[in-house]
Protein backbone atom coordinates (compact mmCIF):
# COMPACT_ATOMS: atom_id res chain seq x y z
CA UNK A 1 -6.27 -84.28 -54.30
CA UNK A 2 -8.71 -82.84 -56.96
CA UNK A 3 -11.77 -83.08 -54.47
CA UNK A 4 -9.77 -81.51 -51.62
CA UNK A 5 -8.74 -78.59 -54.06
CA UNK A 6 -12.41 -78.25 -54.80
CA UNK A 7 -13.60 -78.04 -51.51
CA UNK A 8 -10.88 -75.62 -50.36
CA UNK A 9 -11.00 -73.41 -53.24
CA UNK A 10 -15.08 -72.88 -53.32
CA UNK A 11 -17.45 -72.08 -50.27
CA UNK A 12 -17.86 -75.51 -49.69
CA UNK A 13 -15.16 -75.86 -46.85
CA UNK A 14 -16.47 -72.65 -45.20
CA UNK A 15 -19.86 -73.94 -45.34
CA UNK A 16 -19.25 -77.41 -44.10
CA UNK A 17 -17.40 -75.58 -41.11
CA UNK A 18 -20.27 -73.18 -40.44
CA UNK A 19 -22.80 -75.97 -40.57
CA UNK A 20 -20.77 -78.41 -38.17
CA UNK A 21 -19.96 -75.58 -35.71
CA UNK A 22 -23.58 -74.25 -35.60
CA UNK A 23 -25.53 -77.34 -35.99
CA UNK A 24 -23.67 -80.32 -34.91
CA UNK A 25 -20.83 -79.44 -32.31
CA UNK A 26 -22.12 -79.78 -28.86
CA UNK A 27 -20.95 -80.98 -25.40
CA UNK A 28 -21.27 -84.65 -26.53
CA UNK A 29 -19.31 -84.22 -29.73
CA UNK A 30 -16.53 -82.28 -27.65
CA UNK A 31 -16.49 -85.27 -25.22
CA UNK A 32 -16.05 -87.86 -28.15
CA UNK A 33 -13.29 -85.43 -29.77
CA UNK A 34 -11.50 -85.42 -26.45
CA UNK A 35 -11.43 -89.17 -26.15
CA UNK A 36 -10.39 -89.94 -29.86
CA UNK A 37 -8.09 -86.94 -30.26
CA UNK A 38 -5.04 -89.07 -28.84
CA UNK A 39 -5.26 -91.57 -31.41
CA UNK A 40 -3.86 -89.00 -33.92
CA UNK A 41 -0.83 -88.28 -31.78
CA UNK A 42 2.19 -89.97 -32.79
CA UNK A 43 3.63 -89.75 -29.06
CA UNK A 44 1.14 -92.24 -28.19
CA UNK A 45 0.33 -94.19 -31.12
CA UNK A 46 3.99 -95.33 -32.43
CA UNK A 47 4.76 -96.75 -29.04
CA UNK A 48 1.53 -98.67 -28.90
CA UNK A 49 2.32 -100.17 -32.63
CA UNK A 50 5.89 -100.81 -31.27
CA UNK A 51 4.83 -102.47 -28.36
CA UNK A 52 2.39 -104.54 -30.25
CA UNK A 53 4.80 -105.66 -33.01
CA UNK A 54 7.06 -106.93 -29.99
CA UNK A 55 4.73 -108.49 -27.75
CA UNK A 56 3.15 -110.28 -30.76
CA UNK A 57 6.67 -111.41 -31.88
CA UNK A 58 7.48 -112.64 -28.35
CA UNK A 59 4.16 -114.72 -28.22
CA UNK A 60 3.64 -115.21 -32.08
CA UNK A 61 2.63 -119.06 -31.60
CA UNK A 62 -0.62 -117.96 -29.77
CA UNK A 63 -3.71 -116.59 -32.03
CA UNK A 64 -3.23 -112.95 -29.96
CA UNK A 65 0.28 -112.87 -30.46
CA UNK A 66 -0.04 -113.51 -34.25
CA UNK A 67 -2.54 -110.95 -34.49
CA UNK A 68 -0.85 -108.38 -32.12
CA UNK A 69 2.40 -108.72 -34.46
CA UNK A 70 0.62 -108.43 -37.57
CA UNK A 71 -1.43 -105.40 -36.58
CA UNK A 72 1.55 -103.70 -35.04
CA UNK A 73 3.74 -104.50 -38.01
CA UNK A 74 1.14 -103.08 -40.54
CA UNK A 75 0.51 -100.15 -38.71
CA UNK A 76 4.20 -99.17 -38.30
CA UNK A 77 4.66 -99.71 -42.19
CA UNK A 78 1.48 -97.73 -42.86
CA UNK A 79 2.94 -94.83 -41.28
CA UNK A 80 6.40 -95.12 -42.84
CA UNK A 81 4.85 -95.12 -46.31
CA UNK A 82 2.38 -92.31 -45.57
CA UNK A 83 4.48 -89.83 -43.46
CA UNK A 84 6.54 -88.68 -46.40
CA UNK A 85 3.83 -87.88 -48.87
CA UNK A 86 1.81 -86.24 -45.88
CA UNK A 87 4.62 -84.01 -44.69
CA UNK A 88 4.90 -82.98 -48.50
CA UNK A 89 1.31 -82.16 -48.86
CA UNK A 90 0.95 -80.22 -45.58
CA UNK A 91 3.66 -77.81 -46.76
CA UNK A 92 2.73 -77.89 -50.66
CA UNK A 93 -0.90 -77.16 -50.04
CA UNK A 94 0.01 -74.11 -47.72
CA UNK A 95 -3.54 -74.30 -46.24
CA UNK A 96 -4.23 -72.56 -42.75
CA UNK A 97 -6.31 -73.69 -39.82
CA UNK A 98 -10.02 -72.44 -39.78
CA UNK A 99 -9.53 -70.06 -37.10
CA UNK A 100 -6.32 -68.61 -38.98
CA UNK A 101 -7.42 -67.96 -42.59
CA UNK A 102 -9.82 -69.20 -45.34
CA UNK A 103 -9.62 -72.69 -46.48
CA UNK A 104 -7.63 -71.84 -50.01
CA UNK A 105 -4.42 -73.32 -50.64
CA UNK A 106 -1.25 -71.03 -50.57
CA UNK A 107 1.74 -73.11 -51.63
CA UNK A 108 4.47 -73.44 -48.82
CA UNK A 109 2.84 -70.52 -46.87
CA UNK A 110 1.71 -72.80 -44.01
CA UNK A 111 1.55 -76.39 -42.97
CA UNK A 112 -2.00 -77.46 -42.21
CA UNK A 113 -3.17 -78.47 -45.67
CA UNK A 114 -3.52 -82.06 -44.68
CA UNK A 115 -4.45 -83.03 -40.93
CA UNK A 116 -1.60 -85.03 -39.51
CA UNK A 117 -3.91 -86.12 -36.66
CA UNK A 118 -6.68 -87.29 -39.10
CA UNK A 119 -3.65 -89.52 -40.72
CA UNK A 120 -2.39 -90.72 -37.70
CA UNK A 121 -5.68 -91.57 -36.15
CA UNK A 122 -6.91 -93.61 -39.08
CA UNK A 123 -3.93 -95.81 -39.11
CA UNK A 124 -4.68 -98.20 -36.43
CA UNK A 125 -8.45 -98.63 -37.43
CA UNK A 126 -7.79 -98.92 -41.17
CA UNK A 127 -4.94 -101.57 -40.43
CA UNK A 128 -7.52 -103.35 -38.34
CA UNK A 129 -10.18 -103.20 -40.98
CA UNK A 130 -8.13 -104.79 -43.55
CA UNK A 131 -7.41 -107.61 -41.48
CA UNK A 132 -11.00 -108.05 -40.49
CA UNK A 133 -12.84 -110.87 -42.32
CA UNK A 134 -15.96 -110.39 -40.49
CA UNK A 135 -18.20 -107.52 -42.23
CA UNK A 136 -19.22 -106.11 -39.14
CA UNK A 137 -15.76 -105.70 -37.61
CA UNK A 138 -14.54 -104.40 -40.85
CA UNK A 139 -17.45 -101.66 -40.74
CA UNK A 140 -16.92 -100.91 -37.31
CA UNK A 141 -12.94 -100.33 -37.91
CA UNK A 142 -13.47 -98.32 -40.97
CA UNK A 143 -16.05 -96.19 -39.20
CA UNK A 144 -13.57 -95.79 -36.20
CA UNK A 145 -10.95 -94.65 -38.85
CA UNK A 146 -12.72 -91.50 -39.45
CA UNK A 147 -13.07 -90.24 -35.53
CA UNK A 148 -10.05 -88.67 -35.21
CA UNK A 149 -10.45 -86.48 -38.40
CA UNK A 150 -13.78 -85.81 -37.13
CA UNK A 151 -12.45 -84.52 -33.96
CA UNK A 152 -10.18 -81.92 -35.78
CA UNK A 153 -13.39 -80.68 -37.53
CA UNK A 154 -15.15 -80.53 -33.94
CA UNK A 155 -12.43 -78.57 -32.50
CA UNK A 156 -12.09 -76.38 -35.39
CA UNK A 157 -8.49 -77.19 -36.05
CA UNK A 158 -9.06 -78.40 -39.72
CA UNK A 159 -11.46 -77.80 -42.50
CA UNK A 160 -13.20 -80.91 -43.74
CA UNK A 161 -11.12 -81.01 -47.10
CA UNK A 162 -7.80 -81.25 -44.57
CA UNK A 163 -9.24 -84.17 -42.46
CA UNK A 164 -10.42 -85.90 -45.47
CA UNK A 165 -6.99 -85.58 -47.21
CA UNK A 166 -5.38 -87.03 -43.97
CA UNK A 167 -7.69 -89.82 -43.90
CA UNK A 168 -7.27 -90.65 -47.54
CA UNK A 169 -3.60 -90.86 -47.13
CA UNK A 170 -4.01 -93.16 -44.54
CA UNK A 171 -6.14 -95.26 -46.70
CA UNK A 172 -3.89 -95.20 -49.49
CA UNK A 173 -0.84 -96.06 -47.30
CA UNK A 174 -2.73 -98.84 -45.57
CA UNK A 175 -4.21 -100.17 -48.71
CA UNK A 176 -0.59 -100.28 -50.26
CA UNK A 177 0.71 -102.26 -46.93
CA UNK A 178 -2.48 -104.62 -47.13
CA UNK A 179 -1.40 -105.52 -50.74
């Protein structure tokens, strides 16, 4: 929260936004963003977690079934643990989208202070990363966990601090479930 506040209340968020939009954003990043954005939409991800849990439960005697059950269950529990603080912080910070206002927090004036897409999009990858034993796959999943947040920065829907806070809440919730 301290880092997010520092980014939001200095020129950092605005400068990161300008640099990204002017230097990094291109047709390729727009295409990637279009592909990864749905990972942050609960209308799609929650049924996937539930189906993975159900399918895994029905086939848990197989290694794939056990893996599916564990991943689906962890992802659902991570979401349940993380959503209450996410909703609180979205409103409590009161920050707006980049196209609406500056990055500064104005408590309870808006509800975009923490990226919900970044949070939801990180969950399946963080759950997989914490289950993985192979360092290559662990790195792959952790990297994947940042893509939905990056799509929100790319699409100019969230400042860096907002995407970072969404990812961080997902990480804390996933780590709690992992323990």
